[in-house]
Amino acid sequence: MQAYYEIETEIPVTHQLNIKLPDTIPVGRAKIAIIYEVTEVQSDKKTMMADFLNNLPDNPTGGCLTKDEIKTYIQQERSSWDD
């Protein structure tokens, strides 16, 4: 038989929780589920460009990408959007 216990808390910047459970919950194995609200991320051109630049491979060909390498990378990224 399974039972359910719910408590609300704030997730701190450390992303660590310390929760005291009631004594009525027996010792033993348990599952913990975290349910949280997801905020929609606004994507503007600056954010999209920053994401693109952050996803570029580090030092792929000695430090600089050629124009053709950048075009190829963009095409690969765009094709992955269709998946």
C-alpha atoms as a PDB file:
ATOM      1  CA  MET A   1       0.000   0.000   0.000  1.00  0.00           C
ATOM      2  CA  GLN A   2       1.214   3.499  -0.754  1.00  0.00           C
ATOM      3  CA  ALA A   3       0.541   6.727   1.110  1.00  0.00           C
ATOM      4  CA  TYR A   4       1.035  10.347   0.123  1.00  0.00           C
ATOM      5  CA  TYR A   5       2.540  13.280   2.011  1.00  0.00           C
ATOM      6  CA  GLU A   6       2.835  16.818   0.643  1.00  0.00           C
ATOM      7  CA  ILE A   7       4.676  19.879   1.910  1.00  0.00           C
ATOM      8  CA  GLU A   8       5.455  23.191   0.211  1.00  0.00           C
ATOM      9  CA  THR A   9       8.855  24.810   0.454  1.00  0.00           C
ATOM     10  CA  GLU A  10      11.063  27.374  -1.234  1.00  0.00           C
ATOM     11  CA  ILE A  11      14.071  26.182  -3.195  1.00  0.00           C
ATOM     12  CA  PRO A  12      17.039  28.278  -2.070  1.00  0.00           C
ATOM     13  CA  VAL A  13      19.913  29.423  -4.277  1.00  0.00           C
ATOM     14  CA  THR A  14      21.950  26.494  -2.932  1.00  0.00           C
ATOM     15  CA  HIS A  15      19.368  24.094  -4.416  1.00  0.00           C
ATOM     16  CA  GLN A  16      19.538  22.051  -1.205  1.00  0.00           C
ATOM     17  CA  LEU A  17      16.521  21.090   0.878  1.00  0.00           C
ATOM     18  CA  ASN A  18      16.361  19.901   4.478  1.00  0.00           C
ATOM     19  CA  ILE A  19      12.887  18.573   5.219  1.00  0.00           C
ATOM     20  CA  LYS A  20      11.668  17.217   8.562  1.00  0.00           C
ATOM     21  CA  LEU A  21       9.043  14.528   8.011  1.00  0.00           C
ATOM     22  CA  PRO A  22       6.312  13.702  10.510  1.00  0.00           C
ATOM     23  CA  ASP A  23       6.980  10.786  12.872  1.00  0.00           C
ATOM     24  CA  THR A  24       3.923   9.036  11.416  1.00  0.00           C
ATOM     25  CA  ILE A  25       5.890   8.281   8.232  1.00  0.00           C
ATOM     26  CA  PRO A  26       7.671   4.973   8.806  1.00  0.00           C
ATOM     27  CA  VAL A  27      11.396   4.448   8.343  1.00  0.00           C
ATOM     28  CA  GLY A  28      12.289   2.795   5.038  1.00  0.00           C
ATOM     29  CA  ARG A  29      12.430   3.431   1.324  1.00  0.00           C
ATOM     30  CA  ALA A  30      10.444   6.314  -0.143  1.00  0.00           C
ATOM     31  CA  LYS A  31      10.109   8.176  -3.423  1.00  0.00           C
ATOM     32  CA  ILE A  32      10.502  11.938  -3.539  1.00  0.00           C
ATOM     33  CA  ALA A  33       9.009  13.978  -6.391  1.00  0.00           C
ATOM     34  CA  ILE A  34       9.670  17.666  -6.944  1.00  0.00           C
ATOM     35  CA  ILE A  35       6.837  19.520  -8.670  1.00  0.00           C
ATOM     36  CA  TYR A  36       7.601  23.095  -9.675  1.00  0.00           C
ATOM     37  CA  GLU A  37       6.340  25.834 -11.960  1.00  0.00           C
ATOM     38  CA  VAL A  38       8.219  26.413 -15.197  1.00  0.00           C
ATOM     39  CA  THR A  39       8.294  29.977 -16.430  1.00  0.00           C
ATOM     40  CA  GLU A  40       8.242  30.617 -20.131  1.00  0.00           C
ATOM     41  CA  VAL A  41      11.534  31.891 -21.428  1.00  0.00           C
ATOM     42  CA  GLN A  42      11.331  34.883 -23.697  1.00  0.00           C
ATOM     43  CA  SER A  43      13.556  34.456 -26.682  1.00  0.00           C
ATOM     44  CA  ASP A  44      14.662  37.561 -28.401  1.00  0.00           C
ATOM     45  CA  LYS A  45      17.386  37.956 -30.999  1.00  0.00           C
ATOM     46  CA  LYS A  46      20.026  38.766 -28.373  1.00  0.00           C
ATOM     47  CA  THR A  47      19.192  35.639 -26.381  1.00  0.00           C
ATOM     48  CA  MET A  48      19.194  33.487 -29.495  1.00  0.00           C
ATOM     49  CA  MET A  49      22.574  34.860 -30.564  1.00  0.00           C
ATOM     50  CA  ALA A  50      24.020  34.322 -27.087  1.00  0.00           C
ATOM     51  CA  ASP A  51      22.742  30.739 -27.104  1.00  0.00           C
ATOM     52  CA  PHE A  52      24.257  30.189 -30.535  1.00  0.00           C
ATOM     53  CA  LEU A  53      27.628  31.548 -29.472  1.00  0.00           C
ATOM     54  CA  ASN A  54      27.602  29.542 -26.237  1.00  0.00           C
ATOM     55  CA  ASN A  55      26.950  26.347 -28.203  1.00  0.00           C
ATOM     56  CA  LEU A  56      29.809  26.822 -30.627  1.00  0.00           C
ATOM     57  CA  PRO A  57      32.508  24.197 -30.156  1.00  0.00           C
ATOM     58  CA  ASP A  58      35.545  25.326 -28.181  1.00  0.00           C
ATOM     59  CA  ASN A  59      38.646  25.786 -30.315  1.00  0.00           C
ATOM     60  CA  PRO A  60      37.505  23.445 -33.126  1.00  0.00           C
ATOM     61  CA  THR A  61      40.187  24.304 -35.676  1.00  0.00           C
ATOM     62  CA  GLY A  62      42.971  26.029 -33.820  1.00  0.00           C
ATOM     63  CA  GLY A  63      40.956  28.947 -32.495  1.00  0.00           C
ATOM     64  CA  CYS A  64      39.004  30.482 -35.391  1.00  0.00           C
ATOM     65  CA  LEU A  65      36.038  29.265 -37.379  1.00  0.00           C
ATOM     66  CA  THR A  66      35.978  29.933 -41.077  1.00  0.00           C
ATOM     67  CA  LYS A  67      32.904  31.402 -42.741  1.00  0.00           C
ATOM     68  CA  ASP A  68      32.110  27.979 -44.217  1.00  0.00           C
ATOM     69  CA  GLU A  69      32.474  26.271 -40.812  1.00  0.00           C
ATOM     70  CA  ILE A  70      30.053  28.764 -39.271  1.00  0.00           C
ATOM     71  CA  LYS A  71      27.553  28.246 -42.114  1.00  0.00           C
ATOM     72  CA  THR A  72      27.807  24.464 -41.707  1.00  0.00           C
ATOM     73  CA  TYR A  73      27.309  24.737 -37.958  1.00  0.00           C
ATOM     74  CA  ILE A  74      24.237  26.961 -38.406  1.00  0.00           C
ATOM     75  CA  GLN A  75      22.757  24.524 -40.928  1.00  0.00           C
ATOM     76  CA  GLN A  76      23.307  21.615 -38.531  1.00  0.00           C
ATOM     77  CA  GLU A  77      21.663  23.535 -35.689  1.00  0.00           C
ATOM     78  CA  ARG A  78      18.692  24.511 -37.845  1.00  0.00           C
ATOM     79  CA  SER A  79      18.189  20.929 -39.013  1.00  0.00           C
ATOM     80  CA  SER A  80      18.137  19.758 -35.380  1.00  0.00           C
ATOM     81  CA  TRP A  81      15.199  22.133 -34.734  1.00  0.00           C
ATOM     82  CA  ASP A  82      13.058  20.066 -37.108  1.00  0.00           C
ATOM     83  CA  ASP A  83      13.567  16.876 -35.058  1.00  0.00           C
END
